[in-house]
Amino acid sequence: IYIVNANGTGGRNLTKDPGNDWGPDWSPDGSTIVFNSDRDGLPMGGFLVEPSGSHLRRIRTDADVEYPSWSPHGDRIAFMGGDGPGEYDIWTVAVDGTNLRQLTDSVGSDGWPDWSPDGTRIAFTSVRDDCSYSDAPDCHTTGDIGPHHDVWVVNADGTGLTRVTTEFGQFVTWSPDGRYLLVSGFDLYVIRPDGAGRASVQIPGLPYG
């Protein structure tokens, strides 16, 4: 895990471990970074470190932790993972490792969670609608080597699971005001959490489509 100034200068290696470290996310107050690692030959775990590189510690929980996302209130972390290799659902856990909660339970993997700015909902993407996992007549395929991902939202207590769109999208994040989701799929687009208002994001100087 590296930290770097917004202008690209001052890069520093925070973790310096021969294991693999990835998936970092800042705490809301900027005092701590959460990330996941397979270091020490242990199952995939979540770790906390200060921006100086000091006070590195593991989140003490029994679940595998990957791609953590810090809640806006700073008290909980959402992640993709579970209680065994390849068991990818959306979970939350308190920063101290207590109060582990499973929010989704899908035959296909759910992952890449992101908290809404008010902390009430979590957006994520899922392969549950891919034809490899679903026998529904309207299941999806990408036509490529990877599975079809689409966007879902769930309340922070695990209720209210809702599909946002069936359009392909693997990575998702909320707008600061919570009105939109920004989705990276075959296209970069924004969409409301209720599935309305879909619009492509065109960046000057970059090819579109």
C-alpha atoms as a PDB file:
ATOM      1  CA  ILE A   1       0.000   0.000   0.000  1.00  0.00           C
ATOM      2  CA  TYR A   2       1.404   3.381  -1.031  1.00  0.00           C
ATOM      3  CA  ILE A   3       0.320   6.896  -0.144  1.00  0.00           C
ATOM      4  CA  VAL A   4       1.003   9.758  -2.560  1.00  0.00           C
ATOM      5  CA  ASN A   5       0.165  13.434  -2.847  1.00  0.00           C
ATOM      6  CA  ALA A   6      -2.690  14.355  -5.185  1.00  0.00           C
ATOM      7  CA  ASN A   7      -0.174  15.816  -7.649  1.00  0.00           C
ATOM      8  CA  GLY A   8       1.732  12.519  -7.845  1.00  0.00           C
ATOM      9  CA  THR A   9       4.662  13.523  -5.634  1.00  0.00           C
ATOM     10  CA  GLY A  10       5.816  12.183  -2.287  1.00  0.00           C
ATOM     11  CA  GLY A  11       4.993   8.524  -2.764  1.00  0.00           C
ATOM     12  CA  ARG A  12       5.630   6.370   0.330  1.00  0.00           C
ATOM     13  CA  ASN A  13       5.346   2.620   0.905  1.00  0.00           C
ATOM     14  CA  LEU A  14       3.223   2.151   4.034  1.00  0.00           C
ATOM     15  CA  THR A  15       3.146  -1.620   4.404  1.00  0.00           C
ATOM     16  CA  LYS A  16       6.461  -3.011   3.056  1.00  0.00           C
ATOM     17  CA  ASP A  17       5.542  -6.675   3.327  1.00  0.00           C
ATOM     18  CA  PRO A  18       6.449  -9.570   0.996  1.00  0.00           C
ATOM     19  CA  GLY A  19       2.782 -10.596   1.037  1.00  0.00           C
ATOM     20  CA  ASN A  20       0.153  -9.001  -1.189  1.00  0.00           C
ATOM     21  CA  ASP A  21      -1.569  -5.871   0.172  1.00  0.00           C
ATOM     22  CA  TRP A  22      -4.427  -4.180  -1.721  1.00  0.00           C
ATOM     23  CA  GLY A  23      -7.930  -2.671  -1.504  1.00  0.00           C
ATOM     24  CA  PRO A  24      -7.143   0.409   0.661  1.00  0.00           C
ATOM     25  CA  ASP A  25      -9.754   2.849   1.962  1.00  0.00           C
ATOM     26  CA  TRP A  26      -9.368   5.931   4.195  1.00  0.00           C
ATOM     27  CA  SER A  27     -11.216   6.325   7.471  1.00  0.00           C
ATOM     28  CA  PRO A  28     -13.604   9.331   7.412  1.00  0.00           C
ATOM     29  CA  ASP A  29     -11.330  11.348   9.712  1.00  0.00           C
ATOM     30  CA  GLY A  30      -8.218  10.523   7.658  1.00  0.00           C
ATOM     31  CA  SER A  31      -6.392   9.002  10.626  1.00  0.00           C
ATOM     32  CA  THR A  32      -6.322   5.364   9.469  1.00  0.00           C
ATOM     33  CA  ILE A  33      -6.248   3.284   6.293  1.00  0.00           C
ATOM     34  CA  VAL A  34      -7.911  -0.126   6.041  1.00  0.00           C
ATOM     35  CA  PHE A  35      -6.709  -2.685   3.484  1.00  0.00           C
ATOM     36  CA  ASN A  36      -6.629  -6.428   2.945  1.00  0.00           C
ATOM     37  CA  SER A  37      -3.617  -8.731   2.865  1.00  0.00           C
ATOM     38  CA  ASP A  38      -2.634 -12.383   2.503  1.00  0.00           C
ATOM     39  CA  ARG A  39       0.554 -11.874   4.535  1.00  0.00           C
ATOM     40  CA  ASP A  40       1.955 -14.383   7.014  1.00  0.00           C
ATOM     41  CA  GLY A  41       0.338 -17.338   5.241  1.00  0.00           C
ATOM     42  CA  LEU A  42      -2.974 -16.622   6.965  1.00  0.00           C
ATOM     43  CA  PRO A  43      -6.427 -16.377   5.323  1.00  0.00           C
ATOM     44  CA  MET A  44      -7.230 -13.077   3.638  1.00  0.00           C
ATOM     45  CA  GLY A  45      -7.564 -10.507   6.399  1.00  0.00           C
ATOM     46  CA  GLY A  46      -8.283  -6.852   7.001  1.00  0.00           C
ATOM     47  CA  PHE A  47      -5.583  -4.592   8.419  1.00  0.00           C
ATOM     48  CA  LEU A  48      -5.410  -1.044   9.766  1.00  0.00           C
ATOM     49  CA  VAL A  49      -2.449   1.311   9.468  1.00  0.00           C
ATOM     50  CA  GLU A  50      -1.871   5.007  10.114  1.00  0.00           C
ATOM     51  CA  PRO A  51      -0.828   7.245   7.177  1.00  0.00           C
ATOM     52  CA  SER A  52       2.665   7.411   8.668  1.00  0.00           C
ATOM     53  CA  GLY A  53       2.957   3.620   8.289  1.00  0.00           C
ATOM     54  CA  SER A  54       2.838   3.084  12.054  1.00  0.00           C
ATOM     55  CA  HIS A  55       0.446   1.150  14.297  1.00  0.00           C
ATOM     56  CA  LEU A  56      -0.211  -1.675  11.833  1.00  0.00           C
ATOM     57  CA  ARG A  57      -2.699  -4.197  13.228  1.00  0.00           C
ATOM     58  CA  ARG A  58      -5.043  -6.918  12.007  1.00  0.00           C
ATOM     59  CA  ILE A  59      -8.826  -6.684  12.382  1.00  0.00           C
ATOM     60  CA  ARG A  60      -9.563  -9.601  14.678  1.00  0.00           C
ATOM     61  CA  THR A  61     -12.464 -11.359  12.996  1.00  0.00           C
ATOM     62  CA  ASP A  62     -13.075 -14.919  11.841  1.00  0.00           C
ATOM     63  CA  ALA A  63     -14.205 -13.858   8.344  1.00  0.00           C
ATOM     64  CA  ASP A  64     -11.998 -13.474   5.291  1.00  0.00           C
ATOM     65  CA  VAL A  65     -11.815  -9.764   4.422  1.00  0.00           C
ATOM     66  CA  GLU A  66     -11.305  -8.327   0.942  1.00  0.00           C
ATOM     67  CA  TYR A  67     -11.886  -4.864  -0.549  1.00  0.00           C
ATOM     68  CA  PRO A  68     -12.959  -3.166   2.710  1.00  0.00           C
ATOM     69  CA  SER A  69     -14.992   0.030   2.720  1.00  0.00           C
ATOM     70  CA  TRP A  70     -15.147   2.306   5.749  1.00  0.00           C
ATOM     71  CA  SER A  71     -18.545   3.532   6.949  1.00  0.00           C
ATOM     72  CA  PRO A  72     -19.007   7.329   6.955  1.00  0.00           C
ATOM     73  CA  HIS A  73     -19.521   7.240  10.730  1.00  0.00           C
ATOM     74  CA  GLY A  74     -16.141   5.525  11.166  1.00  0.00           C
ATOM     75  CA  ASP A  75     -17.442   2.697  13.342  1.00  0.00           C
ATOM     76  CA  ARG A  76     -17.926  -0.163  10.853  1.00  0.00           C
ATOM     77  CA  ILE A  77     -16.266  -1.635   7.789  1.00  0.00           C
ATOM     78  CA  ALA A  78     -18.062  -3.343   4.903  1.00  0.00           C
ATOM     79  CA  PHE A  79     -16.191  -5.934   2.874  1.00  0.00           C
ATOM     80  CA  MET A  80     -16.514  -8.783   0.420  1.00  0.00           C
ATOM     81  CA  GLY A  81     -15.606 -12.139   1.893  1.00  0.00           C
ATOM     82  CA  GLY A  82     -16.978 -14.702   4.244  1.00  0.00           C
ATOM     83  CA  ASP A  83     -16.196 -17.701   6.358  1.00  0.00           C
ATOM     84  CA  GLY A  84     -14.243 -19.681   3.759  1.00  0.00           C
ATOM     85  CA  PRO A  85     -12.189 -19.350   0.533  1.00  0.00           C
ATOM     86  CA  GLY A  86     -14.286 -18.097  -2.361  1.00  0.00           C
ATOM     87  CA  GLU A  87     -17.332 -17.430  -0.159  1.00  0.00           C
ATOM     88  CA  TYR A  88     -17.887 -13.869  -1.317  1.00  0.00           C
ATOM     89  CA  ASP A  89     -20.852 -12.097   0.168  1.00  0.00           C
ATOM     90  CA  ILE A  90     -21.209  -8.618   1.666  1.00  0.00           C
ATOM     91  CA  TRP A  91     -20.423  -8.399   5.375  1.00  0.00           C
ATOM     92  CA  THR A  92     -19.886  -5.663   7.922  1.00  0.00           C
ATOM     93  CA  VAL A  93     -17.791  -5.687  11.069  1.00  0.00           C
ATOM     94  CA  ALA A  94     -16.956  -3.179  13.781  1.00  0.00           C
ATOM     95  CA  VAL A  95     -13.497  -1.665  13.506  1.00  0.00           C
ATOM     96  CA  ASP A  96     -12.412  -3.631  16.587  1.00  0.00           C
ATOM     97  CA  GLY A  97     -13.468  -6.917  14.932  1.00  0.00           C
ATOM     98  CA  THR A  98     -16.684  -7.430  16.882  1.00  0.00           C
ATOM     99  CA  ASN A  99     -20.311  -7.561  15.712  1.00  0.00           C
ATOM    100  CA  LEU A 100     -19.679  -9.425  12.463  1.00  0.00           C
ATOM    101  CA  ARG A 101     -22.799  -9.372  10.271  1.00  0.00           C
ATOM    102  CA  GLN A 102     -23.562 -11.017   6.921  1.00  0.00           C
ATOM    103  CA  LEU A 103     -25.746  -8.819   4.699  1.00  0.00           C
ATOM    104  CA  THR A 104     -26.085 -10.917   1.526  1.00  0.00           C
ATOM    105  CA  ASP A 105     -26.190 -14.615   0.684  1.00  0.00           C
ATOM    106  CA  SER A 106     -25.876 -15.328  -3.017  1.00  0.00           C
ATOM    107  CA  VAL A 107     -24.992 -18.382  -5.113  1.00  0.00           C
ATOM    108  CA  GLY A 108     -22.578 -16.098  -6.964  1.00  0.00           C
ATOM    109  CA  SER A 109     -20.092 -13.676  -5.515  1.00  0.00           C
ATOM    110  CA  ASP A 110     -21.130 -10.270  -4.179  1.00  0.00           C
ATOM    111  CA  GLY A 111     -18.349  -7.736  -3.856  1.00  0.00           C
ATOM    112  CA  TRP A 112     -16.781  -4.269  -4.027  1.00  0.00           C
ATOM    113  CA  PRO A 113     -19.066  -2.632  -1.438  1.00  0.00           C
ATOM    114  CA  ASP A 114     -19.345   1.119  -0.949  1.00  0.00           C
ATOM    115  CA  TRP A 115     -21.270   2.931   1.817  1.00  0.00           C
ATOM    116  CA  SER A 116     -23.797   5.641   1.089  1.00  0.00           C
ATOM    117  CA  PRO A 117     -22.739   9.036   2.513  1.00  0.00           C
ATOM    118  CA  ASP A 118     -25.408   8.855   5.234  1.00  0.00           C
ATOM    119  CA  GLY A 119     -24.339   5.329   6.272  1.00  0.00           C
ATOM    120  CA  THR A 120     -27.771   3.771   5.724  1.00  0.00           C
ATOM    121  CA  ARG A 121     -27.089   1.748   2.563  1.00  0.00           C
ATOM    122  CA  ILE A 122     -24.317  -0.158   0.834  1.00  0.00           C
ATOM    123  CA  ALA A 123     -23.949  -0.428  -2.939  1.00  0.00           C
ATOM    124  CA  PHE A 124     -22.162  -3.463  -4.360  1.00  0.00           C
ATOM    125  CA  THR A 125     -21.908  -5.564  -7.497  1.00  0.00           C
ATOM    126  CA  SER A 126     -22.909  -9.188  -7.932  1.00  0.00           C
ATOM    127  CA  VAL A 127     -22.572 -12.045 -10.428  1.00  0.00           C
ATOM    128  CA  ARG A 128     -25.845 -13.630  -9.244  1.00  0.00           C
ATOM    129  CA  ASP A 129     -27.552 -12.746 -12.560  1.00  0.00           C
ATOM    130  CA  ASP A 130     -24.845 -14.382 -14.680  1.00  0.00           C
ATOM    131  CA  CYS A 131     -26.114 -17.491 -16.470  1.00  0.00           C
ATOM    132  CA  SER A 132     -23.420 -19.557 -14.757  1.00  0.00           C
ATOM    133  CA  TYR A 133     -25.263 -18.964 -11.473  1.00  0.00           C
ATOM    134  CA  SER A 134     -28.832 -18.200 -12.524  1.00  0.00           C
ATOM    135  CA  ASP A 135     -31.240 -20.341 -14.537  1.00  0.00           C
ATOM    136  CA  ALA A 136     -33.658 -17.445 -15.036  1.00  0.00           C
ATOM    137  CA  PRO A 137     -34.721 -16.886 -18.661  1.00  0.00           C
ATOM    138  CA  ASP A 138     -33.326 -13.346 -18.520  1.00  0.00           C
ATOM    139  CA  CYS A 139     -29.900 -14.271 -17.091  1.00  0.00           C
ATOM    140  CA  HIS A 140     -26.883 -12.498 -18.577  1.00  0.00           C
ATOM    141  CA  THR A 141     -23.479 -13.242 -20.080  1.00  0.00           C
ATOM    142  CA  THR A 142     -20.694 -10.857 -21.017  1.00  0.00           C
ATOM    143  CA  GLY A 143     -19.553 -12.665 -24.138  1.00  0.00           C
ATOM    144  CA  ASP A 144     -16.063 -12.495 -22.632  1.00  0.00           C
ATOM    145  CA  ILE A 145     -14.102 -14.653 -20.186  1.00  0.00           C
ATOM    146  CA  GLY A 146     -15.450 -12.950 -17.059  1.00  0.00           C
ATOM    147  CA  PRO A 147     -18.897 -13.229 -15.466  1.00  0.00           C
ATOM    148  CA  HIS A 148     -21.626 -10.630 -15.726  1.00  0.00           C
ATOM    149  CA  HIS A 149     -21.679  -8.198 -12.800  1.00  0.00           C
ATOM    150  CA  ASP A 150     -24.573  -5.869 -12.074  1.00  0.00           C
ATOM    151  CA  VAL A 151     -25.290  -3.278  -9.391  1.00  0.00           C
ATOM    152  CA  TRP A 152     -27.305  -3.774  -6.198  1.00  0.00           C
ATOM    153  CA  VAL A 153     -28.067  -1.816  -3.028  1.00  0.00           C
ATOM    154  CA  VAL A 154     -28.788  -3.200   0.445  1.00  0.00           C
ATOM    155  CA  ASN A 155     -29.594  -1.478   3.722  1.00  0.00           C
ATOM    156  CA  ALA A 156     -26.809  -1.482   6.297  1.00  0.00           C
ATOM    157  CA  ASP A 157     -28.810  -3.939   8.425  1.00  0.00           C
ATOM    158  CA  GLY A 158     -29.171  -6.424   5.533  1.00  0.00           C
ATOM    159  CA  THR A 159     -32.765  -5.574   4.621  1.00  0.00           C
ATOM    160  CA  GLY A 160     -34.090  -3.990   1.443  1.00  0.00           C
ATOM    161  CA  LEU A 161     -31.925  -5.836  -1.082  1.00  0.00           C
ATOM    162  CA  THR A 162     -32.600  -4.176  -4.456  1.00  0.00           C
ATOM    163  CA  ARG A 163     -31.161  -4.527  -7.945  1.00  0.00           C
ATOM    164  CA  VAL A 164     -30.257  -1.104  -9.364  1.00  0.00           C
ATOM    165  CA  THR A 165     -29.578  -2.169 -12.939  1.00  0.00           C
ATOM    166  CA  THR A 166     -28.988  -5.295 -15.007  1.00  0.00           C
ATOM    167  CA  GLU A 167     -26.395  -3.433 -17.080  1.00  0.00           C
ATOM    168  CA  PHE A 168     -22.839  -4.683 -16.601  1.00  0.00           C
ATOM    169  CA  GLY A 169     -20.884  -2.896 -13.906  1.00  0.00           C
ATOM    170  CA  GLN A 170     -18.137  -4.259 -11.678  1.00  0.00           C
ATOM    171  CA  PHE A 171     -17.122  -1.280  -9.540  1.00  0.00           C
ATOM    172  CA  VAL A 172     -19.467   1.215  -7.925  1.00  0.00           C
ATOM    173  CA  THR A 173     -19.240   4.284  -5.687  1.00  0.00           C
ATOM    174  CA  TRP A 174     -21.716   6.850  -4.349  1.00  0.00           C
ATOM    175  CA  SER A 175     -21.771  10.521  -5.244  1.00  0.00           C
ATOM    176  CA  PRO A 176     -21.007  12.748  -2.217  1.00  0.00           C
ATOM    177  CA  ASP A 177     -24.657  13.813  -1.959  1.00  0.00           C
ATOM    178  CA  GLY A 178     -25.926  10.211  -2.165  1.00  0.00           C
ATOM    179  CA  ARG A 179     -28.159  10.936  -5.163  1.00  0.00           C
ATOM    180  CA  TYR A 180     -26.209   8.912  -7.726  1.00  0.00           C
ATOM    181  CA  LEU A 181     -23.993   5.883  -8.160  1.00  0.00           C
ATOM    182  CA  LEU A 182     -20.944   6.013 -10.402  1.00  0.00           C
ATOM    183  CA  VAL A 183     -20.449   2.656 -12.109  1.00  0.00           C
ATOM    184  CA  SER A 184     -17.508   1.267 -14.054  1.00  0.00           C
ATOM    185  CA  GLY A 185     -18.604  -1.327 -16.605  1.00  0.00           C
ATOM    186  CA  PHE A 186     -18.295  -1.478 -20.367  1.00  0.00           C
ATOM    187  CA  ASP A 187     -19.090   2.207 -20.032  1.00  0.00           C
ATOM    188  CA  LEU A 188     -18.508   4.720 -17.226  1.00  0.00           C
ATOM    189  CA  TYR A 189     -21.942   5.896 -16.173  1.00  0.00           C
ATOM    190  CA  VAL A 190     -23.999   7.393 -13.369  1.00  0.00           C
ATOM    191  CA  ILE A 191     -27.372   6.071 -12.264  1.00  0.00           C
ATOM    192  CA  ARG A 192     -29.757   6.787  -9.390  1.00  0.00           C
ATOM    193  CA  PRO A 193     -30.074   4.120  -6.670  1.00  0.00           C
ATOM    194  CA  ASP A 194     -33.614   3.445  -7.903  1.00  0.00           C
ATOM    195  CA  GLY A 195     -32.286   2.622 -11.375  1.00  0.00           C
ATOM    196  CA  ALA A 196     -33.434   5.850 -13.056  1.00  0.00           C
ATOM    197  CA  GLY A 197     -31.451   8.656 -14.658  1.00  0.00           C
ATOM    198  CA  ARG A 198     -28.722   6.582 -16.284  1.00  0.00           C
ATOM    199  CA  ALA A 199     -26.184   8.790 -18.101  1.00  0.00           C
ATOM    200  CA  SER A 200     -22.768   8.085 -19.592  1.00  0.00           C
ATOM    201  CA  VAL A 201     -19.791  10.054 -18.315  1.00  0.00           C
ATOM    202  CA  GLN A 202     -17.712  11.434 -21.160  1.00  0.00           C
ATOM    203  CA  ILE A 203     -14.250  12.701 -20.272  1.00  0.00           C
ATOM    204  CA  PRO A 204     -12.637  15.170 -22.691  1.00  0.00           C
ATOM    205  CA  GLY A 205      -9.568  13.680 -24.326  1.00  0.00           C
ATOM    206  CA  LEU A 206     -10.555  10.068 -23.708  1.00  0.00           C
ATOM    207  CA  PRO A 207     -12.232   7.819 -26.291  1.00  0.00           C
ATOM    208  CA  TYR A 208     -15.888   7.048 -25.657  1.00  0.00           C
ATOM    209  CA  GLY A 209     -17.632   3.719 -26.207  1.00  0.00           C
END
